[in-house]
């Protein structure tokens, strides 16, 4: 499919090196487990978040609030400053 893009219509998770369809609950649980494992192993400063100026102020606010409050990291950047 060179030159064509296929839109994902469902979340995918990796099992044994292969991607397979999953429920949203399973995919979000996996993502949360991955964040938690990285934080437990390397500390919250191992997490960084990049936000976009094309997002609304509310979305950017929630992104920084998530990084600071949930993760415990101040490693935030945005294309707003460029």
C-alpha atoms as a PDB file:
ATOM      1  CA  UNK A   1       0.000   0.000   0.000  1.00  0.00           C
ATOM      2  CA  UNK A   2       2.740   2.381  -0.904  1.00  0.00           C
ATOM      3  CA  UNK A   3       1.592   5.975  -0.765  1.00  0.00           C
ATOM      4  CA  UNK A   4      -1.781   5.138   0.841  1.00  0.00           C
ATOM      5  CA  UNK A   5      -2.770   5.677   4.407  1.00  0.00           C
ATOM      6  CA  UNK A   6      -5.220   3.510   6.270  1.00  0.00           C
ATOM      7  CA  UNK A   7      -7.202   5.078   9.058  1.00  0.00           C
ATOM      8  CA  UNK A   8      -7.354   3.095  12.286  1.00  0.00           C
ATOM      9  CA  UNK A   9     -10.913   2.344  13.330  1.00  0.00           C
ATOM     10  CA  UNK A  10     -10.185   0.554  16.600  1.00  0.00           C
ATOM     11  CA  UNK A  11      -7.383   0.458  19.155  1.00  0.00           C
ATOM     12  CA  UNK A  12      -4.564  -2.027  18.657  1.00  0.00           C
ATOM     13  CA  UNK A  13      -2.347  -3.649  21.303  1.00  0.00           C
ATOM     14  CA  UNK A  14       0.833  -5.610  20.843  1.00  0.00           C
ATOM     15  CA  UNK A  15       0.901  -9.254  21.968  1.00  0.00           C
ATOM     16  CA  UNK A  16       3.967 -11.350  21.231  1.00  0.00           C
ATOM     17  CA  UNK A  17       5.252  -8.793  18.741  1.00  0.00           C
ATOM     18  CA  UNK A  18       2.000  -8.672  16.757  1.00  0.00           C
ATOM     19  CA  UNK A  19      -0.716  -6.050  16.798  1.00  0.00           C
ATOM     20  CA  UNK A  20      -4.261  -7.173  17.469  1.00  0.00           C
ATOM     21  CA  UNK A  21      -7.574  -5.347  17.902  1.00  0.00           C
ATOM     22  CA  UNK A  22      -8.535  -4.515  21.486  1.00  0.00           C
ATOM     23  CA  UNK A  23     -11.274  -2.752  23.405  1.00  0.00           C
ATOM     24  CA  UNK A  24     -10.760   0.865  24.420  1.00  0.00           C
ATOM     25  CA  UNK A  25     -10.647  -0.197  28.070  1.00  0.00           C
ATOM     26  CA  UNK A  26      -7.844  -2.673  27.395  1.00  0.00           C
ATOM     27  CA  UNK A  27      -5.870  -0.202  25.269  1.00  0.00           C
ATOM     28  CA  UNK A  28      -6.166   2.575  27.862  1.00  0.00           C
ATOM     29  CA  UNK A  29      -5.231   0.169  30.669  1.00  0.00           C
ATOM     30  CA  UNK A  30      -2.128  -0.844  28.722  1.00  0.00           C
ATOM     31  CA  UNK A  31      -1.159   2.784  28.160  1.00  0.00           C
ATOM     32  CA  UNK A  32      -1.623   3.561  31.868  1.00  0.00           C
ATOM     33  CA  UNK A  33       0.462   0.498  32.814  1.00  0.00           C
ATOM     34  CA  UNK A  34       3.212   1.656  30.458  1.00  0.00           C
ATOM     35  CA  UNK A  35       3.263   5.143  32.014  1.00  0.00           C
ATOM     36  CA  UNK A  36       3.305   3.658  35.509  1.00  0.00           C
ATOM     37  CA  UNK A  37       6.121   1.211  34.677  1.00  0.00           C
ATOM     38  CA  UNK A  38       8.289   4.007  33.221  1.00  0.00           C
ATOM     39  CA  UNK A  39       7.652   6.255  36.217  1.00  0.00           C
ATOM     40  CA  UNK A  40       8.365   3.440  38.694  1.00  0.00           C
ATOM     41  CA  UNK A  41      11.572   2.492  36.873  1.00  0.00           C
ATOM     42  CA  UNK A  42      12.965   5.931  35.988  1.00  0.00           C
ATOM     43  CA  UNK A  43      10.998   8.511  37.981  1.00  0.00           C
ATOM     44  CA  UNK A  44       8.412  11.057  36.851  1.00  0.00           C
ATOM     45  CA  UNK A  45      10.963  13.250  35.104  1.00  0.00           C
ATOM     46  CA  UNK A  46      11.391  10.494  32.511  1.00  0.00           C
ATOM     47  CA  UNK A  47       7.994  11.574  31.180  1.00  0.00           C
ATOM     48  CA  UNK A  48       7.635  14.506  28.788  1.00  0.00           C
ATOM     49  CA  UNK A  49       4.639  15.955  27.036  1.00  0.00           C
ATOM     50  CA  UNK A  50       4.460  18.027  23.865  1.00  0.00           C
ATOM     51  CA  UNK A  51       1.343  20.014  23.114  1.00  0.00           C
ATOM     52  CA  UNK A  52       0.186  21.896  20.035  1.00  0.00           C
ATOM     53  CA  UNK A  53      -0.855  25.491  19.454  1.00  0.00           C
ATOM     54  CA  UNK A  54      -3.671  24.298  17.203  1.00  0.00           C
ATOM     55  CA  UNK A  55      -5.349  22.659  20.189  1.00  0.00           C
ATOM     56  CA  UNK A  56      -7.736  24.714  22.279  1.00  0.00           C
ATOM     57  CA  UNK A  57      -6.570  26.446  25.449  1.00  0.00           C
ATOM     58  CA  UNK A  58      -8.677  23.961  27.389  1.00  0.00           C
ATOM     59  CA  UNK A  59      -6.952  20.945  25.811  1.00  0.00           C
ATOM     60  CA  UNK A  60      -3.516  22.463  26.442  1.00  0.00           C
ATOM     61  CA  UNK A  61      -4.518  23.200  30.043  1.00  0.00           C
ATOM     62  CA  UNK A  62      -5.657  19.601  30.567  1.00  0.00           C
ATOM     63  CA  UNK A  63      -2.448  18.269  29.011  1.00  0.00           C
ATOM     64  CA  UNK A  64      -0.226  20.261  31.377  1.00  0.00           C
ATOM     65  CA  UNK A  65      -2.479  19.430  34.338  1.00  0.00           C
ATOM     66  CA  UNK A  66      -2.197  15.710  33.504  1.00  0.00           C
ATOM     67  CA  UNK A  67       1.596  15.875  33.240  1.00  0.00           C
ATOM     68  CA  UNK A  68       2.024  17.847  36.457  1.00  0.00           C
ATOM     69  CA  UNK A  69      -0.695  16.357  38.661  1.00  0.00           C
ATOM     70  CA  UNK A  70      -1.028  12.750  37.513  1.00  0.00           C
ATOM     71  CA  UNK A  71       2.515  12.032  36.331  1.00  0.00           C
ATOM     72  CA  UNK A  72       4.431  14.504  38.514  1.00  0.00           C
ATOM     73  CA  UNK A  73       6.529  15.942  35.693  1.00  0.00           C
ATOM     74  CA  UNK A  74       7.134  19.535  34.647  1.00  0.00           C
ATOM     75  CA  UNK A  75       8.652  18.378  31.331  1.00  0.00           C
ATOM     76  CA  UNK A  76       6.211  20.191  29.059  1.00  0.00           C
ATOM     77  CA  UNK A  77       6.769  21.869  25.743  1.00  0.00           C
ATOM     78  CA  UNK A  78       4.630  23.333  23.031  1.00  0.00           C
ATOM     79  CA  UNK A  79       4.965  24.654  19.525  1.00  0.00           C
ATOM     80  CA  UNK A  80       3.373  27.855  20.897  1.00  0.00           C
ATOM     81  CA  UNK A  81       6.810  29.170  21.797  1.00  0.00           C
ATOM     82  CA  UNK A  82       8.281  28.856  18.294  1.00  0.00           C
END
